N, C-alpha and C. Protein backbone atom coordinates (compact mmCIF):
# COMPACT_ATOMS: atom_id res chain seq x y z
N MET A 1 -0.52 0.51 -27.43
CA MET A 1 0.39 0.53 -26.30
C MET A 1 1.81 0.27 -26.84
N ASN A 2 2.74 1.16 -26.52
CA ASN A 2 4.08 0.93 -27.01
C ASN A 2 4.80 -0.08 -26.11
N PHE A 3 5.97 -0.53 -26.56
CA PHE A 3 6.70 -1.61 -25.90
C PHE A 3 7.15 -1.23 -24.49
N ILE A 4 7.57 0.00 -24.29
CA ILE A 4 8.03 0.45 -22.96
C ILE A 4 6.87 0.42 -21.96
N VAL A 5 5.71 0.89 -22.39
CA VAL A 5 4.53 0.87 -21.52
C VAL A 5 4.15 -0.58 -21.20
N PHE A 6 4.27 -1.45 -22.18
CA PHE A 6 4.00 -2.88 -21.95
C PHE A 6 4.93 -3.44 -20.88
N LEU A 7 6.23 -3.14 -20.99
CA LEU A 7 7.20 -3.64 -20.00
C LEU A 7 6.92 -3.07 -18.61
N ASP A 8 6.54 -1.79 -18.56
CA ASP A 8 6.18 -1.18 -17.28
C ASP A 8 4.96 -1.87 -16.66
N THR A 9 3.99 -2.21 -17.49
CA THR A 9 2.80 -2.90 -17.02
C THR A 9 3.14 -4.29 -16.50
N VAL A 10 3.99 -4.99 -17.24
CA VAL A 10 4.43 -6.32 -16.78
C VAL A 10 5.16 -6.17 -15.44
N GLY A 11 6.01 -5.15 -15.31
CA GLY A 11 6.70 -4.91 -14.05
C GLY A 11 5.74 -4.62 -12.91
N TYR A 12 4.72 -3.84 -13.18
CA TYR A 12 3.73 -3.51 -12.15
C TYR A 12 3.01 -4.77 -11.66
N TYR A 13 2.64 -5.64 -12.59
CA TYR A 13 1.93 -6.86 -12.24
C TYR A 13 2.86 -8.04 -11.96
N GLY A 14 4.15 -7.79 -11.83
CA GLY A 14 5.13 -8.84 -11.59
C GLY A 14 4.79 -9.78 -10.45
N PRO A 15 4.41 -9.25 -9.26
CA PRO A 15 4.08 -10.16 -8.15
C PRO A 15 2.94 -11.13 -8.47
N VAL A 16 1.93 -10.65 -9.17
CA VAL A 16 0.78 -11.50 -9.51
C VAL A 16 1.19 -12.54 -10.54
N ILE A 17 1.94 -12.12 -11.55
CA ILE A 17 2.37 -13.03 -12.61
C ILE A 17 3.28 -14.11 -12.03
N LEU A 18 4.23 -13.73 -11.18
CA LEU A 18 5.16 -14.70 -10.61
C LEU A 18 4.46 -15.65 -9.64
N PHE A 19 3.49 -15.13 -8.89
CA PHE A 19 2.69 -16.01 -8.03
C PHE A 19 1.98 -17.06 -8.89
N ALA A 20 1.34 -16.62 -9.97
CA ALA A 20 0.59 -17.53 -10.84
C ALA A 20 1.52 -18.57 -11.48
N MET A 21 2.70 -18.14 -11.92
CA MET A 21 3.64 -19.07 -12.53
C MET A 21 4.08 -20.15 -11.53
N THR A 22 4.43 -19.73 -10.33
CA THR A 22 4.88 -20.68 -9.32
C THR A 22 3.73 -21.60 -8.91
N PHE A 23 2.56 -21.03 -8.71
CA PHE A 23 1.38 -21.80 -8.34
C PHE A 23 1.10 -22.88 -9.39
N TYR A 24 1.13 -22.49 -10.66
CA TYR A 24 0.86 -23.43 -11.74
C TYR A 24 1.89 -24.56 -11.76
N PHE A 25 3.16 -24.21 -11.58
CA PHE A 25 4.22 -25.21 -11.59
C PHE A 25 4.04 -26.21 -10.44
N LEU A 26 3.49 -25.77 -9.33
CA LEU A 26 3.36 -26.62 -8.14
C LEU A 26 2.06 -27.42 -8.08
N LEU A 27 1.22 -27.31 -9.09
CA LEU A 27 -0.07 -28.01 -9.05
C LEU A 27 0.07 -29.52 -8.85
N ASN A 28 1.16 -30.10 -9.31
CA ASN A 28 1.34 -31.54 -9.14
C ASN A 28 2.26 -31.87 -7.95
N GLN A 29 2.55 -30.88 -7.11
CA GLN A 29 3.35 -31.08 -5.91
C GLN A 29 2.60 -30.43 -4.74
N LEU A 30 1.52 -31.06 -4.34
CA LEU A 30 0.59 -30.43 -3.40
C LEU A 30 1.21 -29.96 -2.09
N PRO A 31 2.10 -30.73 -1.44
CA PRO A 31 2.68 -30.18 -0.19
C PRO A 31 3.39 -28.85 -0.43
N TYR A 32 4.13 -28.75 -1.51
CA TYR A 32 4.83 -27.49 -1.80
C TYR A 32 3.85 -26.41 -2.26
N LEU A 33 2.77 -26.80 -2.92
CA LEU A 33 1.75 -25.82 -3.31
C LEU A 33 1.12 -25.18 -2.08
N TYR A 34 0.76 -26.00 -1.11
CA TYR A 34 0.18 -25.48 0.12
C TYR A 34 1.20 -24.61 0.87
N LEU A 35 2.43 -25.09 0.92
CA LEU A 35 3.48 -24.34 1.60
C LEU A 35 3.72 -22.99 0.92
N PHE A 36 3.75 -22.99 -0.41
CA PHE A 36 3.96 -21.75 -1.16
C PHE A 36 2.81 -20.78 -0.91
N THR A 37 1.58 -21.26 -0.97
CA THR A 37 0.43 -20.39 -0.77
C THR A 37 0.43 -19.80 0.64
N PHE A 38 0.66 -20.65 1.63
CA PHE A 38 0.78 -20.16 3.01
C PHE A 38 1.91 -19.15 3.13
N GLY A 39 3.07 -19.48 2.56
CA GLY A 39 4.23 -18.60 2.63
C GLY A 39 3.99 -17.27 1.96
N PHE A 40 3.30 -17.28 0.83
CA PHE A 40 3.03 -16.03 0.11
C PHE A 40 2.14 -15.11 0.95
N ILE A 41 1.12 -15.69 1.56
CA ILE A 41 0.23 -14.90 2.42
C ILE A 41 1.00 -14.38 3.63
N ALA A 42 1.79 -15.24 4.26
CA ALA A 42 2.58 -14.82 5.42
C ALA A 42 3.60 -13.75 5.03
N ASN A 43 4.18 -13.88 3.85
CA ASN A 43 5.14 -12.90 3.35
C ASN A 43 4.47 -11.53 3.17
N THR A 44 3.25 -11.53 2.67
CA THR A 44 2.50 -10.28 2.49
C THR A 44 2.20 -9.64 3.85
N LEU A 45 1.78 -10.45 4.81
CA LEU A 45 1.53 -9.93 6.16
C LEU A 45 2.82 -9.40 6.79
N LEU A 46 3.92 -10.11 6.59
CA LEU A 46 5.22 -9.66 7.09
C LEU A 46 5.58 -8.30 6.50
N ASN A 47 5.31 -8.11 5.24
CA ASN A 47 5.60 -6.83 4.58
C ASN A 47 4.82 -5.70 5.24
N HIS A 48 3.54 -5.91 5.51
CA HIS A 48 2.72 -4.88 6.15
C HIS A 48 3.22 -4.58 7.57
N ILE A 49 3.61 -5.61 8.28
CA ILE A 49 4.15 -5.41 9.64
C ILE A 49 5.45 -4.61 9.59
N LEU A 50 6.34 -4.99 8.68
CA LEU A 50 7.63 -4.29 8.58
C LEU A 50 7.45 -2.83 8.16
N LYS A 51 6.53 -2.58 7.24
CA LYS A 51 6.26 -1.18 6.84
C LYS A 51 5.77 -0.37 8.03
N SER A 52 4.92 -0.97 8.85
CA SER A 52 4.42 -0.27 10.04
C SER A 52 5.51 -0.04 11.08
N VAL A 53 6.48 -0.94 11.14
CA VAL A 53 7.58 -0.80 12.10
C VAL A 53 8.58 0.25 11.61
N PHE A 54 9.02 0.13 10.37
CA PHE A 54 10.07 1.03 9.85
C PHE A 54 9.54 2.43 9.52
N ARG A 55 8.34 2.50 8.99
CA ARG A 55 7.69 3.78 8.65
C ARG A 55 8.58 4.71 7.81
N GLU A 56 9.28 4.13 6.87
CA GLU A 56 10.12 4.95 5.98
C GLU A 56 9.27 5.40 4.79
N LEU A 57 9.26 6.70 4.57
CA LEU A 57 8.44 7.26 3.50
C LEU A 57 8.96 6.85 2.13
N ARG A 58 8.05 6.86 1.18
CA ARG A 58 8.41 6.61 -0.21
C ARG A 58 9.11 7.85 -0.77
N PRO A 59 9.81 7.70 -1.89
CA PRO A 59 10.42 8.89 -2.51
C PRO A 59 9.35 9.93 -2.86
N THR A 60 9.77 11.18 -2.88
CA THR A 60 8.83 12.26 -3.20
C THR A 60 8.60 12.35 -4.71
N ALA A 61 7.51 12.96 -5.08
CA ALA A 61 7.13 13.23 -6.47
C ALA A 61 7.09 11.98 -7.34
N PRO A 62 6.23 11.00 -6.97
CA PRO A 62 6.11 9.82 -7.85
C PRO A 62 5.54 10.23 -9.21
N ILE A 63 5.90 9.47 -10.22
CA ILE A 63 5.48 9.78 -11.58
C ILE A 63 4.08 9.22 -11.86
N GLY A 64 3.79 8.04 -11.36
CA GLY A 64 2.50 7.40 -11.63
C GLY A 64 1.39 7.94 -10.76
N ASN A 65 0.25 7.31 -10.86
CA ASN A 65 -0.92 7.77 -10.11
C ASN A 65 -1.41 6.73 -9.10
N GLU A 66 -0.53 5.86 -8.62
CA GLU A 66 -0.89 4.88 -7.61
C GLU A 66 -1.23 5.58 -6.31
N LYS A 67 -2.22 5.08 -5.61
CA LYS A 67 -2.61 5.61 -4.30
C LYS A 67 -2.22 4.59 -3.24
N PHE A 68 -1.69 5.07 -2.12
CA PHE A 68 -1.25 4.18 -1.05
C PHE A 68 -2.00 4.49 0.23
N TYR A 69 -2.48 3.43 0.87
CA TYR A 69 -3.26 3.57 2.09
C TYR A 69 -2.71 2.64 3.16
N GLY A 70 -2.99 2.95 4.41
CA GLY A 70 -2.58 2.10 5.52
C GLY A 70 -1.07 1.95 5.57
N SER A 71 -0.63 0.74 5.84
CA SER A 71 0.82 0.50 5.93
C SER A 71 1.49 0.66 4.57
N ASN A 72 0.73 0.53 3.48
CA ASN A 72 1.32 0.71 2.15
C ASN A 72 1.71 2.15 1.88
N PHE A 73 1.33 3.06 2.76
CA PHE A 73 1.76 4.44 2.63
C PHE A 73 3.28 4.53 2.73
N TYR A 74 3.87 3.60 3.47
CA TYR A 74 5.32 3.57 3.64
C TYR A 74 5.97 2.70 2.57
N GLY A 75 7.26 2.92 2.36
CA GLY A 75 7.93 2.24 1.26
C GLY A 75 8.94 1.19 1.62
N LEU A 76 9.28 1.03 2.92
CA LEU A 76 10.32 0.07 3.29
C LEU A 76 9.71 -1.06 4.08
N PRO A 77 9.85 -2.28 3.60
CA PRO A 77 10.45 -2.75 2.35
C PRO A 77 9.43 -2.72 1.20
N SER A 78 9.94 -2.77 0.00
CA SER A 78 9.07 -2.80 -1.18
C SER A 78 8.29 -4.10 -1.21
N GLY A 79 6.96 -3.99 -1.20
CA GLY A 79 6.11 -5.18 -1.28
C GLY A 79 6.22 -5.88 -2.62
N HIS A 80 6.35 -5.09 -3.69
CA HIS A 80 6.51 -5.70 -5.01
C HIS A 80 7.78 -6.53 -5.06
N ALA A 81 8.89 -5.95 -4.61
CA ALA A 81 10.17 -6.67 -4.64
C ALA A 81 10.10 -7.90 -3.74
N GLN A 82 9.55 -7.74 -2.55
CA GLN A 82 9.48 -8.84 -1.60
C GLN A 82 8.65 -9.99 -2.15
N SER A 83 7.52 -9.68 -2.76
CA SER A 83 6.65 -10.72 -3.32
C SER A 83 7.30 -11.41 -4.52
N CYS A 84 7.86 -10.62 -5.42
CA CYS A 84 8.50 -11.20 -6.61
C CYS A 84 9.63 -12.15 -6.23
N PHE A 85 10.48 -11.68 -5.33
CA PHE A 85 11.64 -12.50 -4.98
C PHE A 85 11.27 -13.66 -4.07
N PHE A 86 10.18 -13.55 -3.32
CA PHE A 86 9.69 -14.71 -2.56
C PHE A 86 9.31 -15.81 -3.54
N SER A 87 8.50 -15.48 -4.54
CA SER A 87 8.06 -16.49 -5.52
C SER A 87 9.24 -17.07 -6.28
N THR A 88 10.15 -16.23 -6.72
CA THR A 88 11.28 -16.68 -7.52
C THR A 88 12.24 -17.53 -6.69
N ALA A 89 12.53 -17.11 -5.46
CA ALA A 89 13.42 -17.89 -4.60
C ALA A 89 12.78 -19.23 -4.25
N PHE A 90 11.50 -19.24 -3.97
CA PHE A 90 10.79 -20.49 -3.69
C PHE A 90 10.91 -21.43 -4.89
N PHE A 91 10.67 -20.91 -6.07
CA PHE A 91 10.76 -21.69 -7.30
C PHE A 91 12.17 -22.25 -7.47
N TYR A 92 13.17 -21.43 -7.21
CA TYR A 92 14.57 -21.87 -7.31
C TYR A 92 14.87 -22.98 -6.30
N LEU A 93 14.42 -22.79 -5.06
CA LEU A 93 14.75 -23.74 -3.99
C LEU A 93 14.08 -25.10 -4.16
N ILE A 94 12.95 -25.14 -4.86
CA ILE A 94 12.33 -26.44 -5.12
C ILE A 94 12.80 -27.01 -6.45
N LYS A 95 13.82 -26.38 -7.00
CA LYS A 95 14.48 -26.85 -8.22
C LYS A 95 13.55 -26.87 -9.44
N GLY A 96 12.89 -25.72 -9.65
CA GLY A 96 12.07 -25.55 -10.85
C GLY A 96 12.95 -25.48 -12.09
N PRO A 97 12.37 -25.68 -13.27
CA PRO A 97 13.15 -25.65 -14.52
C PRO A 97 13.90 -24.33 -14.70
N ARG A 98 15.14 -24.43 -15.12
CA ARG A 98 16.01 -23.25 -15.26
C ARG A 98 15.48 -22.24 -16.27
N THR A 99 14.90 -22.70 -17.36
CA THR A 99 14.42 -21.75 -18.37
C THR A 99 13.31 -20.86 -17.79
N ILE A 100 12.43 -21.45 -16.99
CA ILE A 100 11.37 -20.67 -16.36
C ILE A 100 11.97 -19.76 -15.29
N LEU A 101 12.97 -20.27 -14.57
CA LEU A 101 13.64 -19.46 -13.54
C LEU A 101 14.25 -18.21 -14.16
N TYR A 102 14.88 -18.33 -15.30
CA TYR A 102 15.49 -17.17 -15.96
C TYR A 102 14.42 -16.14 -16.35
N LEU A 103 13.29 -16.62 -16.82
CA LEU A 103 12.17 -15.72 -17.14
C LEU A 103 11.67 -15.01 -15.88
N MET A 104 11.61 -15.75 -14.78
CA MET A 104 11.15 -15.16 -13.52
C MET A 104 12.13 -14.09 -13.03
N ILE A 105 13.41 -14.36 -13.15
CA ILE A 105 14.42 -13.37 -12.75
C ILE A 105 14.29 -12.11 -13.60
N PHE A 106 14.07 -12.28 -14.89
CA PHE A 106 13.87 -11.14 -15.78
C PHE A 106 12.65 -10.33 -15.33
N MET A 107 11.58 -11.01 -14.95
CA MET A 107 10.38 -10.31 -14.49
C MET A 107 10.64 -9.58 -13.17
N CYS A 108 11.46 -10.17 -12.31
CA CYS A 108 11.84 -9.49 -11.07
C CYS A 108 12.58 -8.19 -11.37
N VAL A 109 13.50 -8.25 -12.32
CA VAL A 109 14.26 -7.05 -12.70
C VAL A 109 13.32 -6.00 -13.28
N LEU A 110 12.38 -6.41 -14.12
CA LEU A 110 11.39 -5.47 -14.67
C LEU A 110 10.60 -4.80 -13.55
N THR A 111 10.21 -5.59 -12.55
CA THR A 111 9.43 -5.04 -11.44
C THR A 111 10.26 -4.04 -10.64
N LEU A 112 11.50 -4.40 -10.32
CA LEU A 112 12.37 -3.48 -9.59
C LEU A 112 12.54 -2.17 -10.36
N TYR A 113 12.78 -2.30 -11.65
CA TYR A 113 12.99 -1.10 -12.48
C TYR A 113 11.72 -0.25 -12.52
N GLN A 114 10.56 -0.88 -12.67
CA GLN A 114 9.30 -0.13 -12.74
C GLN A 114 9.06 0.63 -11.43
N ARG A 115 9.30 -0.01 -10.30
CA ARG A 115 9.06 0.63 -9.01
C ARG A 115 10.02 1.80 -8.79
N TRP A 116 11.26 1.66 -9.27
CA TRP A 116 12.25 2.74 -9.14
C TRP A 116 11.95 3.86 -10.15
N LYS A 117 11.65 3.49 -11.39
CA LYS A 117 11.40 4.46 -12.46
C LYS A 117 10.24 5.39 -12.11
N TYR A 118 9.18 4.86 -11.55
CA TYR A 118 8.02 5.67 -11.20
C TYR A 118 8.13 6.30 -9.82
N ARG A 119 9.28 6.16 -9.21
CA ARG A 119 9.60 6.75 -7.90
C ARG A 119 8.65 6.28 -6.79
N TYR A 120 8.28 5.01 -6.85
CA TYR A 120 7.49 4.45 -5.77
C TYR A 120 8.38 3.91 -4.66
N HIS A 121 9.65 3.63 -5.00
CA HIS A 121 10.60 3.10 -4.01
C HIS A 121 12.00 3.60 -4.32
N SER A 122 12.78 3.71 -3.26
CA SER A 122 14.21 4.00 -3.42
C SER A 122 14.95 2.68 -3.65
N ILE A 123 16.19 2.77 -4.05
CA ILE A 123 17.01 1.57 -4.24
C ILE A 123 17.09 0.79 -2.93
N LYS A 124 17.28 1.49 -1.83
CA LYS A 124 17.35 0.84 -0.51
C LYS A 124 16.08 0.05 -0.22
N GLN A 125 14.92 0.64 -0.47
CA GLN A 125 13.66 -0.04 -0.20
C GLN A 125 13.49 -1.27 -1.08
N LEU A 126 13.94 -1.18 -2.32
CA LEU A 126 13.87 -2.31 -3.24
C LEU A 126 14.82 -3.43 -2.80
N LEU A 127 16.03 -3.06 -2.36
CA LEU A 127 16.99 -4.07 -1.91
C LEU A 127 16.51 -4.78 -0.65
N TYR A 128 15.95 -4.03 0.29
CA TYR A 128 15.41 -4.64 1.50
C TYR A 128 14.29 -5.63 1.14
N GLY A 129 13.39 -5.21 0.27
CA GLY A 129 12.31 -6.10 -0.16
C GLY A 129 12.84 -7.35 -0.83
N THR A 130 13.86 -7.18 -1.67
CA THR A 130 14.47 -8.31 -2.36
C THR A 130 15.04 -9.31 -1.37
N PHE A 131 15.86 -8.84 -0.45
CA PHE A 131 16.50 -9.74 0.50
C PHE A 131 15.51 -10.38 1.47
N ILE A 132 14.52 -9.64 1.90
CA ILE A 132 13.52 -10.21 2.81
C ILE A 132 12.72 -11.30 2.10
N GLY A 133 12.33 -11.05 0.84
CA GLY A 133 11.59 -12.06 0.08
C GLY A 133 12.39 -13.34 -0.12
N ILE A 134 13.67 -13.20 -0.46
CA ILE A 134 14.54 -14.37 -0.65
C ILE A 134 14.70 -15.11 0.68
N PHE A 135 15.02 -14.38 1.73
CA PHE A 135 15.23 -15.01 3.03
C PHE A 135 13.96 -15.71 3.52
N PHE A 136 12.81 -15.08 3.34
CA PHE A 136 11.57 -15.68 3.84
C PHE A 136 11.23 -16.96 3.09
N ALA A 137 11.49 -17.00 1.78
CA ALA A 137 11.26 -18.23 1.01
C ALA A 137 12.17 -19.34 1.53
N TRP A 138 13.44 -19.00 1.75
CA TRP A 138 14.37 -20.00 2.30
C TRP A 138 13.89 -20.46 3.67
N PHE A 139 13.48 -19.54 4.53
CA PHE A 139 13.04 -19.86 5.88
C PHE A 139 11.83 -20.80 5.87
N ILE A 140 10.85 -20.51 5.05
CA ILE A 140 9.64 -21.33 4.96
C ILE A 140 9.99 -22.75 4.52
N ILE A 141 10.82 -22.87 3.49
CA ILE A 141 11.19 -24.21 3.00
C ILE A 141 12.06 -24.93 4.03
N TYR A 142 12.99 -24.21 4.65
CA TYR A 142 13.84 -24.82 5.67
C TYR A 142 13.00 -25.36 6.83
N MET A 143 12.06 -24.58 7.31
CA MET A 143 11.23 -25.01 8.43
C MET A 143 10.36 -26.22 8.03
N TYR A 144 9.87 -26.23 6.81
CA TYR A 144 9.08 -27.37 6.34
C TYR A 144 9.94 -28.62 6.29
N GLN A 145 11.12 -28.51 5.68
CA GLN A 145 12.00 -29.67 5.57
C GLN A 145 12.49 -30.13 6.94
N TYR A 146 12.74 -29.19 7.84
CA TYR A 146 13.14 -29.55 9.20
C TYR A 146 12.02 -30.31 9.90
N SER A 147 10.80 -29.85 9.73
CA SER A 147 9.66 -30.52 10.38
C SER A 147 9.44 -31.91 9.80
N CYS A 148 9.78 -32.12 8.55
CA CYS A 148 9.61 -33.44 7.93
C CYS A 148 10.63 -34.44 8.46
N ARG A 149 11.73 -33.97 9.03
CA ARG A 149 12.74 -34.87 9.59
C ARG A 149 12.41 -35.31 11.00
N THR A 150 11.40 -34.69 11.60
CA THR A 150 10.99 -35.10 12.94
C THR A 150 9.78 -36.02 12.81
N GLU A 151 9.27 -36.48 13.93
CA GLU A 151 8.13 -37.38 13.88
C GLU A 151 6.83 -36.67 13.58
N TYR A 152 6.82 -35.33 13.64
CA TYR A 152 5.60 -34.57 13.38
C TYR A 152 5.68 -33.92 12.01
N MET A 153 4.62 -34.08 11.23
CA MET A 153 4.56 -33.49 9.90
C MET A 153 3.62 -32.30 9.91
N ILE A 154 4.03 -31.22 9.21
CA ILE A 154 3.16 -30.05 9.11
C ILE A 154 2.08 -30.30 8.08
N LEU A 155 2.47 -30.77 6.91
CA LEU A 155 1.50 -30.99 5.84
C LEU A 155 1.22 -32.46 5.67
């Protein structure tokens, strides 16, 4: 396997790798681990809902051989971008180590490039996924911290 194919593969599996990295880092912070896991699942469901609402087609003539079914047939917003940036933004907001954060950002860029290179998403679809993932991570943490300031605790 040459180096470019390796980078493309890392980009393809970016959401899984970034989920695992964030999950591992949070093993000793159980409230945030539960919040992250819940948020990741909710973020995935949000992506499917938004794809069904927007129904924007993916670019024509993809290079790879990925098959898309159901709501994944549509490309807006990019699920890969949304998942990667959800994990990375969550990691940033809980003040994870900067060296790991830089690696995560690099993996996000690899994922964005891979999805664009293989014509699975347009730049617009990737940007929407990026911003939704970042915003949703902020929203989940904000709501958790807000709930902790009241007399009722979520976790």
